[in-house]
Amino acid sequence: MTKDRMSEFEAAICESSHSRRAPQDQPSYVCVSGSPEFHRQALGRHLEEAGYAVRRFTEDRALLDAVRAGSPSAIVYKIPARRERAIQFLNQLTELKQDTCVIVIGPEIGAELVAQCLRYGAFDYLTVPVAVTRLMTSLQDGLVNRQTFRAVRNISQELAQSNDLLAGERNALKHWNRNLLALNHLTQVLTGSLDSETIVQSLFTGLATLIPLDIIGLARTKPHRVMTWSRLPVLKCEEIQVRERLLRRFPERIKSGAHVRQSLRLAQTGASSGEDCASPSSPP
């Protein structure tokens, strides 16, 4: 992909994130967390003057509860005296699976600790004293990054859903292709033989391939015959019941002379004609 095409792609993502966000994706508020002395500084007031709704917190627990209740757009977090608490807070925020933009403010702590903050989810680390313009620039960049991340995430989810739909369509096409091949084979067998036994047996096995049937029965006249097929030996009794129901369809004077043909599969496995199975007592 050329540089121009990549620029067009990035611009499309940014435009989508700015102009097509759902109402629930609009920036909600900015949380500012720090000591009471930190809140007395002018940073929060400058954020409000810039148009941001600001909520102030002095404890990490209250801030995390607010994040659980509704994800803020950004968090400005002042490192407490115990610096390890900042890493602990960022780790807890990561466990909540939030995409909030986090800007950490604190003293010079060295590149290793700053990198650790960034690895745990902070977007930027600003060293005190912080200029208002520096904070605003970092906050705006972080919100754009958040919007871009959301747009890419939504595109990825839509792509995954499309792939699932395509996989389902592909499986359906494979199923219909197998059915068409089986139907074509059945047609060739039926038209290629004049033997009634071959035609009936091919019809039974062919239908069982196309349709999820366990038992198939066939009755014909002139001569009167009843033939059945079952998929499994355990269905022997049910097959006999189907056979007897078909026999009841014949006139009384024909029943005694009708030829009954059990399935070829049952005959090959040594199944009896059904003396060990109870005959159905209900009328057809």
Protein backbone atom coordinates (compact mmCIF):
# COMPACT_ATOMS: atom_id res chain seq x y z
CA MET A 1 0.00 0.00 0.00
CA THR A 2 1.46 3.39 -0.99
CA LYS A 3 1.94 6.28 1.40
CA ASP A 4 -0.92 8.20 -0.21
CA ARG A 5 -3.28 5.24 0.14
CA MET A 6 -2.25 4.81 3.78
CA SER A 7 -2.93 8.48 4.44
CA GLU A 8 -6.38 8.10 2.90
CA PHE A 9 -7.06 5.10 5.14
CA GLU A 10 -5.97 6.94 8.29
CA ALA A 11 -8.05 9.96 7.29
CA ALA A 12 -11.11 7.73 6.76
CA ILE A 13 -10.70 6.25 10.23
CA CYS A 14 -10.37 9.65 11.87
CA GLU A 15 -13.34 11.02 9.94
CA SER A 16 -15.43 8.01 10.93
CA SER A 17 -14.47 8.39 14.58
CA HIS A 18 -15.29 12.13 14.57
CA SER A 19 -18.44 12.30 12.46
CA ARG A 20 -20.18 8.94 12.88
CA ARG A 21 -19.89 8.20 16.58
CA ALA A 22 -23.00 7.02 18.34
CA PRO A 23 -24.37 9.25 21.08
CA GLN A 24 -23.08 6.92 23.76
CA ASP A 25 -19.55 7.27 22.32
CA GLN A 26 -19.43 11.05 22.71
CA PRO A 27 -16.88 12.30 25.29
CA SER A 28 -18.51 12.07 28.70
CA TYR A 29 -16.16 13.70 31.20
CA VAL A 30 -12.55 13.99 32.35
CA CYS A 31 -11.52 12.65 35.73
CA VAL A 32 -8.79 14.51 37.59
CA SER A 33 -7.23 12.53 40.45
CA GLY A 34 -4.76 13.87 43.00
CA SER A 35 -4.26 15.34 46.41
CA PRO A 36 -6.29 18.34 47.63
CA GLU A 37 -3.22 20.51 47.01
CA PHE A 38 -3.12 19.34 43.40
CA HIS A 39 -6.80 20.19 42.92
CA ARG A 40 -6.18 23.72 44.18
CA GLN A 41 -3.96 24.28 41.16
CA ALA A 42 -5.43 25.78 37.99
CA LEU A 43 -5.24 22.66 35.77
CA GLY A 44 -8.81 21.57 36.48
CA ARG A 45 -10.12 25.06 35.89
CA HIS A 46 -8.30 25.27 32.55
CA LEU A 47 -9.89 21.98 31.50
CA GLU A 48 -13.33 23.32 32.35
CA GLU A 49 -12.63 26.52 30.43
CA ALA A 50 -11.66 24.38 27.44
CA GLY A 51 -15.14 22.80 27.49
CA TYR A 52 -14.45 19.56 29.37
CA ALA A 53 -16.73 18.34 32.15
CA VAL A 54 -14.39 17.70 35.06
CA ARG A 55 -14.87 15.36 38.02
CA ARG A 56 -12.32 15.50 40.81
CA PHE A 57 -11.15 12.58 42.96
CA THR A 58 -8.70 12.21 45.81
CA GLU A 59 -8.87 8.42 46.25
CA ASP A 60 -8.16 5.67 43.72
CA ARG A 61 -11.07 3.55 44.96
CA ALA A 62 -13.64 6.27 44.26
CA LEU A 63 -12.10 6.89 40.85
CA LEU A 64 -12.25 3.19 39.92
CA ASP A 65 -15.89 3.05 41.03
CA ALA A 66 -16.66 5.98 38.74
CA VAL A 67 -14.90 4.23 35.85
CA ARG A 68 -16.98 1.09 36.43
CA ALA A 69 -20.17 3.15 36.48
CA GLY A 70 -19.41 4.90 33.20
CA SER A 71 -16.19 5.09 31.25
CA PRO A 72 -14.75 8.61 31.24
CA SER A 73 -13.07 9.97 28.15
CA ALA A 74 -9.82 10.70 29.95
CA ILE A 75 -8.13 10.55 33.34
CA VAL A 76 -5.51 13.02 34.50
CA TYR A 77 -3.74 11.16 37.31
CA LYS A 78 -1.27 12.81 39.68
CA ILE A 79 1.25 10.33 41.03
CA PRO A 80 0.88 10.02 44.82
CA ALA A 81 3.76 10.05 47.26
CA ARG A 82 4.00 6.26 47.03
CA ARG A 83 4.83 5.84 43.36
CA GLU A 84 3.99 2.15 43.32
CA ARG A 85 0.34 3.12 43.83
CA ALA A 86 0.33 4.61 40.32
CA ILE A 87 1.37 1.28 38.77
CA GLN A 88 -1.20 -0.50 40.93
CA PHE A 89 -3.91 1.89 39.77
CA LEU A 90 -2.99 1.49 36.09
CA ASN A 91 -3.02 -2.29 36.52
CA GLN A 92 -6.49 -2.18 38.11
CA LEU A 93 -7.71 0.09 35.33
CA THR A 94 -6.41 -2.39 32.73
CA GLU A 95 -8.34 -5.20 34.41
CA LEU A 96 -11.54 -3.19 33.87
CA LYS A 97 -10.87 -3.39 30.09
CA GLN A 98 -11.46 0.33 29.62
CA ASP A 99 -10.18 2.37 26.68
CA THR A 100 -9.93 5.58 28.70
CA CYS A 101 -7.10 7.95 27.82
CA VAL A 102 -4.83 8.18 30.90
CA ILE A 103 -2.34 10.99 31.35
CA VAL A 104 -0.02 10.64 34.32
CA ILE A 105 1.50 13.73 35.96
CA GLY A 106 4.40 13.49 38.38
CA PRO A 107 7.99 14.34 39.20
CA GLU A 108 11.02 13.15 37.28
CA ILE A 109 11.07 9.39 37.94
CA GLY A 110 13.45 8.13 35.29
CA ALA A 111 12.91 6.56 31.90
CA GLU A 112 12.40 3.04 33.27
CA LEU A 113 9.47 3.97 35.54
CA VAL A 114 7.94 6.16 32.83
CA ALA A 115 8.14 3.24 30.38
CA GLN A 116 6.49 1.04 33.01
CA CYS A 117 3.59 3.49 33.29
CA LEU A 118 3.18 3.50 29.51
CA ARG A 119 3.25 -0.31 29.38
CA TYR A 120 0.44 -0.45 31.94
CA GLY A 121 -1.82 1.74 29.84
CA ALA A 122 -0.88 5.39 30.33
CA PHE A 123 -0.96 7.44 27.13
CA ASP A 124 1.54 10.05 28.30
CA TYR A 125 3.67 11.01 31.29
CA LEU A 126 4.02 14.73 31.99
CA THR A 127 6.71 16.00 34.36
CA VAL A 128 5.77 18.73 36.81
CA PRO A 129 5.55 21.63 36.51
CA VAL A 130 3.13 21.08 33.62
CA ALA A 131 2.34 23.89 31.22
CA VAL A 132 -1.35 24.21 30.38
CA THR A 133 -0.62 24.09 26.64
CA ARG A 134 1.38 20.88 27.11
CA LEU A 135 -1.48 19.26 29.03
CA MET A 136 -4.09 20.33 26.45
CA THR A 137 -1.99 19.04 23.55
CA SER A 138 -1.42 15.69 25.27
CA LEU A 139 -5.11 15.39 26.17
CA GLN A 140 -6.26 16.17 22.62
CA ASP A 141 -3.76 13.72 21.13
CA GLY A 142 -4.86 11.06 23.59
CA LEU A 143 -8.55 11.52 22.77
CA VAL A 144 -7.83 11.29 19.03
CA ASN A 145 -5.83 8.12 19.70
CA ARG A 146 -8.77 6.75 21.73
CA GLN A 147 -11.23 7.52 18.93
CA THR A 148 -8.95 5.90 16.35
CA PHE A 149 -8.57 2.82 18.53
CA ARG A 150 -12.35 2.55 18.88
CA ALA A 151 -12.86 2.93 15.14
CA VAL A 152 -10.30 0.23 14.36
CA ARG A 153 -11.79 -2.03 17.04
CA ASN A 154 -15.28 -1.61 15.58
CA ILE A 155 -13.97 -2.35 12.09
CA SER A 156 -12.22 -5.47 13.41
CA GLN A 157 -15.42 -6.65 15.08
CA GLU A 158 -17.44 -6.05 11.92
CA LEU A 159 -14.81 -7.92 9.91
CA ALA A 160 -14.94 -10.85 12.32
CA GLN A 161 -18.74 -10.95 12.05
CA SER A 162 -18.52 -10.83 8.25
CA ASN A 163 -16.02 -13.69 8.30
CA ASP A 164 -18.38 -15.73 10.47
CA LEU A 165 -21.24 -15.07 8.06
CA LEU A 166 -19.08 -16.02 5.09
CA ALA A 167 -18.01 -19.21 6.84
CA GLY A 168 -21.67 -20.10 7.40
CA GLU A 169 -22.50 -19.39 3.76
CA ARG A 170 -19.53 -21.48 2.66
CA ASN A 171 -20.68 -24.42 4.78
CA ALA A 172 -24.20 -24.08 3.37
CA LEU A 173 -22.82 -24.12 -0.19
CA LYS A 174 -20.80 -27.25 0.60
CA HIS A 175 -23.95 -28.89 1.97
CA TRP A 176 -25.99 -28.04 -1.14
CA ASN A 177 -23.15 -29.19 -3.38
CA ARG A 178 -23.07 -32.57 -1.64
CA ASN A 179 -26.85 -32.84 -2.01
CA LEU A 180 -26.69 -32.02 -5.71
CA LEU A 181 -23.98 -34.63 -6.27
CA ALA A 182 -26.01 -37.23 -4.35
CA LEU A 183 -29.18 -36.33 -6.29
CA ASN A 184 -27.35 -36.57 -9.59
CA HIS A 185 -25.95 -39.98 -8.62
CA LEU A 186 -29.41 -41.19 -7.54
CA THR A 187 -30.93 -40.04 -10.84
CA GLN A 188 -28.29 -41.89 -12.83
CA VAL A 189 -28.85 -45.09 -10.84
CA LEU A 190 -32.66 -44.93 -11.17
CA THR A 191 -32.51 -44.33 -14.91
CA GLY A 192 -29.76 -46.90 -15.48
CA SER A 193 -31.53 -50.02 -14.22
CA LEU A 194 -34.78 -51.85 -14.95
CA ASP A 195 -34.56 -54.18 -11.96
CA SER A 196 -37.16 -53.21 -9.35
CA GLU A 197 -35.05 -54.45 -6.43
CA THR A 198 -32.09 -52.33 -7.51
CA ILE A 199 -34.30 -49.29 -8.05
CA VAL A 200 -35.97 -49.59 -4.64
CA GLN A 201 -32.72 -50.16 -2.78
CA SER A 202 -31.08 -47.23 -4.59
CA LEU A 203 -34.10 -45.06 -3.78
CA PHE A 204 -33.90 -45.93 -0.10
CA THR A 205 -30.17 -45.29 0.28
CA GLY A 206 -30.32 -42.20 -1.96
CA LEU A 207 -33.14 -40.59 -0.01
CA ALA A 208 -31.36 -41.32 3.26
CA THR A 209 -28.35 -39.43 1.91
CA LEU A 210 -30.39 -36.40 0.88
CA ILE A 211 -32.86 -36.29 3.79
CA PRO A 212 -32.12 -37.14 7.46
CA LEU A 213 -34.56 -40.05 7.62
CA ASP A 214 -34.25 -43.03 9.95
CA ILE A 215 -36.94 -45.22 8.38
CA ILE A 216 -38.36 -45.33 4.86
CA GLY A 217 -41.35 -47.40 3.74
CA LEU A 218 -42.65 -48.10 0.24
CA ALA A 219 -45.90 -49.76 -0.80
CA ARG A 220 -46.78 -50.64 -4.39
CA THR A 221 -49.61 -52.42 -6.20
CA LYS A 222 -49.73 -54.87 -9.07
CA PRO A 223 -48.14 -56.81 -7.54
CA HIS A 224 -48.87 -55.65 -4.03
CA ARG A 225 -45.60 -55.29 -2.12
CA VAL A 226 -44.35 -53.54 1.00
CA MET A 227 -40.66 -52.70 1.39
CA THR A 228 -38.95 -50.85 4.24
CA TRP A 229 -35.51 -49.54 5.12
CA SER A 230 -33.97 -48.36 8.40
CA ARG A 231 -30.72 -46.62 9.12
CA LEU A 232 -29.72 -48.57 12.25
CA PRO A 233 -30.40 -52.08 13.62
CA VAL A 234 -31.84 -50.61 16.83
CA LEU A 235 -34.74 -49.25 14.73
CA LYS A 236 -35.91 -52.75 13.79
CA CYS A 237 -39.13 -52.59 15.82
CA GLU A 238 -40.05 -49.16 14.50
CA GLU A 239 -39.42 -50.40 10.97
CA ILE A 240 -41.79 -53.31 11.51
CA GLN A 241 -44.46 -50.91 12.76
CA VAL A 242 -44.08 -48.82 9.60
CA ARG A 243 -44.35 -51.99 7.52
CA GLU A 244 -47.57 -53.05 9.25
CA ARG A 245 -49.08 -49.59 8.85
CA LEU A 246 -48.41 -49.79 5.12
CA LEU A 247 -50.03 -53.23 5.00
CA ARG A 248 -53.21 -51.79 6.52
CA ARG A 249 -53.53 -49.56 3.47
CA PHE A 250 -54.23 -52.59 1.31
CA PRO A 251 -57.75 -54.04 1.00
CA GLU A 252 -58.46 -56.97 3.32
CA ARG A 253 -58.59 -59.47 0.47
CA ILE A 254 -55.11 -58.35 -0.66
CA LYS A 255 -53.31 -58.33 2.70
CA SER A 256 -52.88 -62.07 2.97
CA GLY A 257 -51.23 -62.30 -0.41
CA ALA A 258 -49.12 -59.18 -0.25
CA HIS A 259 -45.39 -59.72 -0.37
CA VAL A 260 -43.51 -58.12 2.51
CA ARG A 261 -39.89 -57.18 1.95
CA GLN A 262 -37.83 -56.05 4.90
CA SER A 263 -34.84 -53.84 4.34
CA LEU A 264 -31.79 -55.32 2.74
CA ARG A 265 -29.62 -54.02 5.52
CA LEU A 266 -31.67 -55.79 8.19
CA ALA A 267 -31.68 -59.01 6.21
CA GLN A 268 -27.89 -58.86 5.84
CA THR A 269 -27.39 -58.33 9.57
CA GLY A 270 -29.55 -61.30 10.40
CA ALA A 271 -32.58 -59.45 11.73
CA SER A 272 -35.79 -61.41 11.98
CA SER A 273 -39.07 -60.35 10.46
CA GLY A 274 -40.14 -59.01 13.85
CA GLU A 275 -41.67 -61.74 15.99
CA ASP A 276 -39.85 -60.26 19.01
CA CYS A 277 -41.41 -56.81 18.52
CA ALA A 278 -44.91 -55.90 19.60
CA SER A 279 -47.28 -54.96 16.83
CA PRO A 280 -48.77 -51.47 17.00
CA SER A 281 -52.19 -51.35 18.57
CA SER A 282 -53.16 -47.86 17.42
CA PRO A 283 -54.95 -47.43 14.12
CA PRO A 284 -52.96 -45.93 11.21
